[in-house]
Amino acid sequence: MEPLSQFRHTGVVKTTEHRSASGDAPLETGVSSDGSTRSAVVDLLLEEGPISASEVASRLGISAAGVRRHLDALVESGAARVSSAVGPRSRGRGRPAKMFALTSHGRSRLGHAYDDLAGAAMRELREIGGDDAVRAFAKRRILTIVRDVTPADGSADSTAETADAIARALSGAGFAASTRPVGAGVQICQHHCPVSHVAEEFPELCAAEREAFADLLGTHVQRLATIANGDCACTTHVPLGTPTVGPDAPDGADGNKSASERVASGTDLDPATAQPSPTRDRLRKEPA
């Protein structure tokens, strides 16, 4: 079995199918070796998880049996976990499909080589300069990442474009980020966090990201989930076409809205189903 530490996130391997001479069955030519296949499976678990074995096989153009062999090996090593499908993917007859996603152990093998050093440095920074020094560092760090992003001008189109630009900047920094439209807004999804283990101890890193996003987007944004808290992705909801709120507004800034207003603005959407959620406490689900 190849050690997971040999893998690095380079994006999902795209594959093509070619028919055999008889035309009876596709030949698996999209992935050239076991090592690259395992890497492609890991990439899909990272970017799309939780995901079923059949979906992985379809995306990579290889047999379901071959995919299950790799998934079983990842689960056995503790790099992946399995659970029953929930939400929209679970609809249909029969038993719910098994869904696979990377575990914290699996993520830790994808780029946390300097976590111990970074954590020690952050602790020393707090010891010397206090909480203000940590917050200042966290703010400077995210501003460096998004320094080339043009702030939104207040229109829905501009806000969506800025969200896309933020995702591209994050991907360039190793966060494997993307955006997707949900309800009356858009979500910024960070499928990987190279500093998640440090962020567990220093939530100022996540708080600084949210504040920087709000500043650039010109509207209050809501963090629905974070990898540091055990979720499969960091998900930030950005409302479109709603009145802007000051960049320093607290997380509960939409608390004065009625339930119907919060649903209309997208701030009470369940990230897993894009459907209204009765309480904000239920917004910690993994995005589909």
Protein backbone atom coordinates (compact mmCIF):
# COMPACT_ATOMS: atom_id res chain seq x y z
CA MET A 1 0.00 0.00 0.00
CA GLU A 2 1.34 3.42 -0.91
CA PRO A 3 1.77 5.73 2.09
CA LEU A 4 -0.66 8.63 1.98
CA SER A 5 2.22 10.99 2.67
CA GLN A 6 3.36 10.44 -0.91
CA PHE A 7 0.28 12.20 -2.20
CA ARG A 8 -0.07 15.90 -2.69
CA HIS A 9 -3.17 17.75 -3.78
CA THR A 10 -2.86 18.62 -7.46
CA GLY A 11 -6.49 18.52 -8.53
CA VAL A 12 -8.64 15.60 -9.60
CA VAL A 13 -7.15 13.45 -12.34
CA LYS A 14 -9.42 13.60 -15.37
CA THR A 15 -9.79 10.37 -17.26
CA THR A 16 -11.07 9.14 -20.59
CA GLU A 17 -12.46 5.77 -21.58
CA HIS A 18 -11.41 3.88 -24.70
CA ARG A 19 -13.18 0.85 -26.07
CA SER A 20 -11.38 -2.42 -26.60
CA ALA A 21 -10.94 -3.72 -30.14
CA SER A 22 -14.15 -5.73 -29.82
CA GLY A 23 -16.01 -2.70 -28.52
CA ASP A 24 -17.36 -4.71 -25.61
CA ALA A 25 -15.96 -2.91 -22.58
CA PRO A 26 -14.10 0.28 -21.75
CA LEU A 27 -10.42 0.09 -21.00
CA GLU A 28 -9.25 1.97 -17.92
CA THR A 29 -6.67 4.25 -19.51
CA GLY A 30 -7.38 7.43 -17.55
CA VAL A 31 -5.08 6.62 -14.64
CA SER A 32 -1.74 5.08 -15.44
CA SER A 33 -0.79 3.39 -12.17
CA ASP A 34 -1.98 2.38 -8.73
CA GLY A 35 -0.16 5.33 -7.22
CA SER A 36 -1.83 7.93 -9.44
CA THR A 37 -5.20 6.20 -9.02
CA ARG A 38 -4.90 6.38 -5.23
CA SER A 39 -3.90 10.02 -5.51
CA ALA A 40 -6.91 10.75 -7.73
CA VAL A 41 -9.23 9.01 -5.25
CA VAL A 42 -7.77 11.07 -2.40
CA ASP A 43 -8.27 14.26 -4.43
CA LEU A 44 -11.94 13.43 -5.00
CA LEU A 45 -12.50 12.66 -1.32
CA LEU A 46 -10.88 15.98 -0.52
CA GLU A 47 -12.82 18.08 -3.03
CA GLU A 48 -16.16 16.26 -3.22
CA GLY A 49 -16.45 14.18 -0.06
CA PRO A 50 -18.57 12.69 1.27
CA ILE A 51 -18.86 10.81 -2.04
CA SER A 52 -19.91 7.27 -2.97
CA ALA A 53 -17.70 4.63 -4.55
CA SER A 54 -19.85 4.61 -7.68
CA GLU A 55 -19.46 8.38 -8.05
CA VAL A 56 -15.69 8.09 -7.67
CA ALA A 57 -15.61 5.33 -10.30
CA SER A 58 -17.73 7.40 -12.68
CA ARG A 59 -15.61 10.53 -12.23
CA LEU A 60 -12.33 8.69 -12.76
CA GLY A 61 -13.55 6.35 -15.50
CA ILE A 62 -12.39 3.18 -13.75
CA SER A 63 -14.18 0.12 -12.42
CA ALA A 64 -16.14 0.23 -9.19
CA ALA A 65 -14.19 -2.79 -7.95
CA GLY A 66 -10.90 -0.97 -8.46
CA VAL A 67 -12.20 2.10 -6.64
CA ARG A 68 -13.44 0.04 -3.68
CA ARG A 69 -10.00 -1.53 -3.32
CA HIS A 70 -8.45 1.90 -2.89
CA LEU A 71 -11.25 3.13 -0.63
CA ASP A 72 -10.98 0.06 1.59
CA ALA A 73 -7.23 0.62 1.91
CA LEU A 74 -7.75 4.28 2.87
CA VAL A 75 -10.40 3.35 5.45
CA GLU A 76 -8.20 0.59 6.87
CA SER A 77 -5.30 3.04 7.29
CA GLY A 78 -7.57 5.55 9.03
CA ALA A 79 -7.19 8.09 6.22
CA ALA A 80 -10.86 7.87 5.20
CA ARG A 81 -14.16 7.20 6.93
CA VAL A 82 -17.46 5.79 5.72
CA SER A 83 -21.03 6.74 6.58
CA SER A 84 -24.53 6.35 5.15
CA ALA A 85 -25.75 8.92 2.65
CA VAL A 86 -27.83 11.78 4.04
CA GLY A 87 -29.75 14.61 2.43
CA PRO A 88 -30.45 14.79 -1.33
CA ARG A 89 -27.98 12.02 -2.22
CA SER A 90 -29.82 9.49 -0.09
CA ARG A 91 -33.09 9.66 -2.03
CA GLY A 92 -34.23 6.53 -3.81
CA ARG A 93 -35.07 2.95 -2.99
CA GLY A 94 -32.90 0.42 -1.25
CA ARG A 95 -30.22 0.88 1.36
CA PRO A 96 -28.48 4.27 1.52
CA ALA A 97 -25.20 4.36 -0.36
CA LYS A 98 -21.99 4.37 1.63
CA MET A 99 -20.30 7.76 1.46
CA PHE A 100 -16.55 8.25 1.88
CA ALA A 101 -14.60 11.28 3.11
CA LEU A 102 -11.12 11.98 4.41
CA THR A 103 -10.58 11.89 8.16
CA SER A 104 -8.55 14.43 10.10
CA HIS A 105 -5.74 11.86 10.00
CA GLY A 106 -6.00 11.72 6.21
CA ARG A 107 -5.97 15.50 5.93
CA SER A 108 -2.97 15.71 8.24
CA ARG A 109 -0.92 13.83 5.64
CA LEU A 110 -1.69 16.39 2.92
CA GLY A 111 0.39 19.35 3.93
CA HIS A 112 0.75 19.79 7.68
CA ALA A 113 4.49 19.19 7.86
CA TYR A 114 5.05 22.50 9.60
CA ASP A 115 2.07 22.42 11.98
CA ASP A 116 4.18 21.81 15.07
CA LEU A 117 6.51 24.65 14.20
CA ALA A 118 3.65 27.01 13.32
CA GLY A 119 1.80 26.16 16.53
CA ALA A 120 4.91 26.77 18.62
CA ALA A 121 5.49 30.10 16.89
CA MET A 122 1.89 31.19 17.47
CA ARG A 123 2.07 30.25 21.15
CA GLU A 124 5.28 32.23 21.50
CA LEU A 125 3.66 35.19 19.73
CA ARG A 126 0.77 35.11 22.17
CA GLU A 127 3.15 34.83 25.10
CA ILE A 128 5.12 37.89 23.95
CA GLY A 129 2.40 40.11 22.46
CA GLY A 130 -0.86 38.78 23.85
CA ASP A 131 -4.11 38.15 21.98
CA ASP A 132 -3.85 41.41 20.05
CA ALA A 133 -0.61 40.24 18.46
CA VAL A 134 -2.23 36.97 17.37
CA ARG A 135 -5.19 38.80 15.86
CA ALA A 136 -2.90 41.25 14.07
CA PHE A 137 -0.87 38.38 12.61
CA ALA A 138 -4.00 36.50 11.52
CA LYS A 139 -5.35 39.62 9.78
CA ARG A 140 -2.07 40.34 8.02
CA ARG A 141 -1.83 36.74 6.84
CA ILE A 142 -5.25 36.62 5.12
CA LEU A 143 -4.84 40.13 3.68
CA THR A 144 -1.62 38.95 2.05
CA ILE A 145 -3.48 36.03 0.45
CA VAL A 146 -6.32 38.19 -0.97
CA ARG A 147 -4.25 41.30 -1.68
CA ASP A 148 -5.00 41.21 -5.43
CA VAL A 149 -8.77 40.76 -5.05
CA THR A 150 -10.81 43.78 -6.18
CA PRO A 151 -13.53 44.73 -3.63
CA ALA A 152 -17.16 44.39 -4.72
CA ASP A 153 -19.04 47.55 -5.72
CA GLY A 154 -22.29 46.59 -4.02
CA SER A 155 -24.08 44.93 -6.93
CA ALA A 156 -24.96 41.23 -6.88
CA ASP A 157 -22.85 40.50 -9.97
CA SER A 158 -19.83 42.28 -8.52
CA THR A 159 -20.24 40.46 -5.20
CA ALA A 160 -20.35 37.09 -6.98
CA GLU A 161 -17.26 38.00 -9.04
CA THR A 162 -15.38 39.04 -5.90
CA ALA A 163 -16.35 35.76 -4.22
CA ASP A 164 -14.89 33.89 -7.22
CA ALA A 165 -11.71 35.97 -6.99
CA ILE A 166 -11.41 35.19 -3.27
CA ALA A 167 -11.75 31.47 -4.04
CA ARG A 168 -9.02 31.68 -6.67
CA ALA A 169 -6.72 33.50 -4.26
CA LEU A 170 -7.37 30.88 -1.58
CA SER A 171 -6.67 28.05 -4.02
CA GLY A 172 -3.38 29.68 -4.87
CA ALA A 173 -2.53 29.52 -1.16
CA GLY A 174 -3.36 25.80 -0.92
CA PHE A 175 -7.00 25.91 0.23
CA ALA A 176 -8.54 24.13 -2.82
CA ALA A 177 -11.40 26.65 -2.81
CA SER A 178 -14.43 27.01 -5.07
CA THR A 179 -17.76 28.83 -5.14
CA ARG A 180 -21.29 27.65 -5.77
CA PRO A 181 -24.68 29.41 -5.93
CA VAL A 182 -27.00 28.48 -3.04
CA GLY A 183 -30.41 30.03 -2.46
CA ALA A 184 -30.22 33.81 -2.63
CA GLY A 185 -26.46 33.87 -2.37
CA VAL A 186 -23.19 32.12 -3.08
CA GLN A 187 -20.96 29.94 -0.90
CA ILE A 188 -17.18 30.02 -0.74
CA CYS A 189 -16.03 26.45 -0.04
CA GLN A 190 -12.48 25.72 1.11
CA HIS A 191 -12.01 21.97 0.63
CA HIS A 192 -8.60 21.91 2.27
CA CYS A 193 -6.98 23.97 5.01
CA PRO A 194 -3.18 23.78 5.25
CA VAL A 195 -3.34 25.36 8.73
CA SER A 196 -6.38 23.55 10.16
CA HIS A 197 -4.49 21.99 13.07
CA VAL A 198 -3.14 25.40 14.09
CA ALA A 199 -6.58 26.98 13.60
CA GLU A 200 -8.03 24.49 16.09
CA GLU A 201 -5.92 26.16 18.77
CA PHE A 202 -6.03 29.66 17.30
CA PRO A 203 -9.57 30.46 16.03
CA GLU A 204 -8.32 33.98 15.34
CA LEU A 205 -7.14 32.64 11.96
CA CYS A 206 -10.69 31.71 10.94
CA ALA A 207 -12.15 34.91 12.39
CA ALA A 208 -9.69 37.02 10.40
CA GLU A 209 -10.67 35.20 7.19
CA ARG A 210 -14.37 35.94 7.72
CA GLU A 211 -13.66 39.61 8.46
CA ALA A 212 -11.48 39.94 5.34
CA PHE A 213 -14.18 38.31 3.19
CA ALA A 214 -16.81 40.70 4.59
CA ASP A 215 -14.58 43.71 3.88
CA LEU A 216 -13.96 42.69 0.28
CA LEU A 217 -17.55 41.64 -0.41
CA GLY A 218 -19.10 44.66 1.30
CA THR A 219 -21.69 42.57 3.11
CA HIS A 220 -22.06 40.48 6.24
CA VAL A 221 -20.99 36.88 5.60
CA GLN A 222 -21.77 33.79 7.65
CA ARG A 223 -19.38 30.93 8.40
CA LEU A 224 -21.42 27.73 8.20
CA ALA A 225 -18.68 25.17 8.79
CA THR A 226 -14.93 24.90 9.30
CA ILE A 227 -12.41 22.10 8.91
CA ALA A 228 -10.85 23.19 12.21
CA ASN A 229 -14.13 22.27 13.93
CA GLY A 230 -14.24 18.84 12.30
CA ASP A 231 -16.30 19.63 9.19
CA CYS A 232 -15.31 18.39 5.74
CA ALA A 233 -14.90 21.91 4.34
CA CYS A 234 -14.83 25.54 5.42
CA THR A 235 -18.05 27.02 4.06
CA THR A 236 -18.87 30.73 4.05
CA HIS A 237 -22.28 31.98 2.89
CA VAL A 238 -22.37 35.29 1.02
CA PRO A 239 -25.82 36.88 0.48
CA LEU A 240 -26.44 38.55 -2.88
CA GLY A 241 -28.69 41.53 -3.47
CA THR A 242 -29.17 42.33 0.23
CA PRO A 243 -28.32 45.51 2.15
CA THR A 244 -24.68 45.66 3.16
CA VAL A 245 -23.56 45.48 6.74
CA GLY A 246 -20.44 47.00 8.28
CA PRO A 247 -17.34 44.80 8.01
CA ASP A 248 -17.05 44.60 11.78
CA ALA A 249 -20.60 43.34 12.27
CA PRO A 250 -20.75 40.33 14.61
CA ASP A 251 -21.81 36.89 13.49
CA GLY A 252 -25.28 37.50 14.84
CA ALA A 253 -25.81 40.70 12.85
CA ASP A 254 -28.78 39.15 11.06
CA GLY A 255 -30.47 38.32 14.33
CA ASN A 256 -32.81 41.31 14.02
CA LYS A 257 -34.34 39.90 10.83
CA SER A 258 -37.49 37.83 10.85
CA ALA A 259 -37.24 34.13 9.97
CA SER A 260 -38.69 34.78 6.52
CA GLU A 261 -36.19 37.58 5.90
CA ARG A 262 -33.29 35.37 6.92
CA VAL A 263 -34.49 32.63 4.56
CA ALA A 264 -34.90 35.16 1.73
CA SER A 265 -31.37 36.44 2.23
CA GLY A 266 -29.94 32.93 2.42
CA THR A 267 -28.55 33.31 5.95
CA ASP A 268 -30.62 30.43 7.35
CA LEU A 269 -29.86 27.89 4.63
CA ASP A 270 -28.74 24.38 5.46
CA PRO A 271 -25.37 24.05 3.63
CA ALA A 272 -26.01 20.37 2.92
CA THR A 273 -29.38 20.83 1.20
CA ALA A 274 -29.60 24.55 0.37
CA GLN A 275 -32.99 24.46 2.12
CA PRO A 276 -34.18 26.72 4.96
CA SER A 277 -32.97 25.59 8.36
CA PRO A 278 -35.18 26.24 11.43
CA THR A 279 -32.26 27.23 13.62
CA ARG A 280 -28.77 28.58 13.05
CA ASP A 281 -27.36 25.81 15.25
CA ARG A 282 -28.14 23.30 12.50
CA LEU A 283 -25.93 25.05 9.98
CA ARG A 284 -22.87 23.00 10.89
CA LYS A 285 -23.63 20.24 8.34
CA GLU A 286 -21.14 19.28 5.67
CA PRO A 287 -21.93 20.85 2.28
CA ALA A 288 -22.97 18.32 -0.34
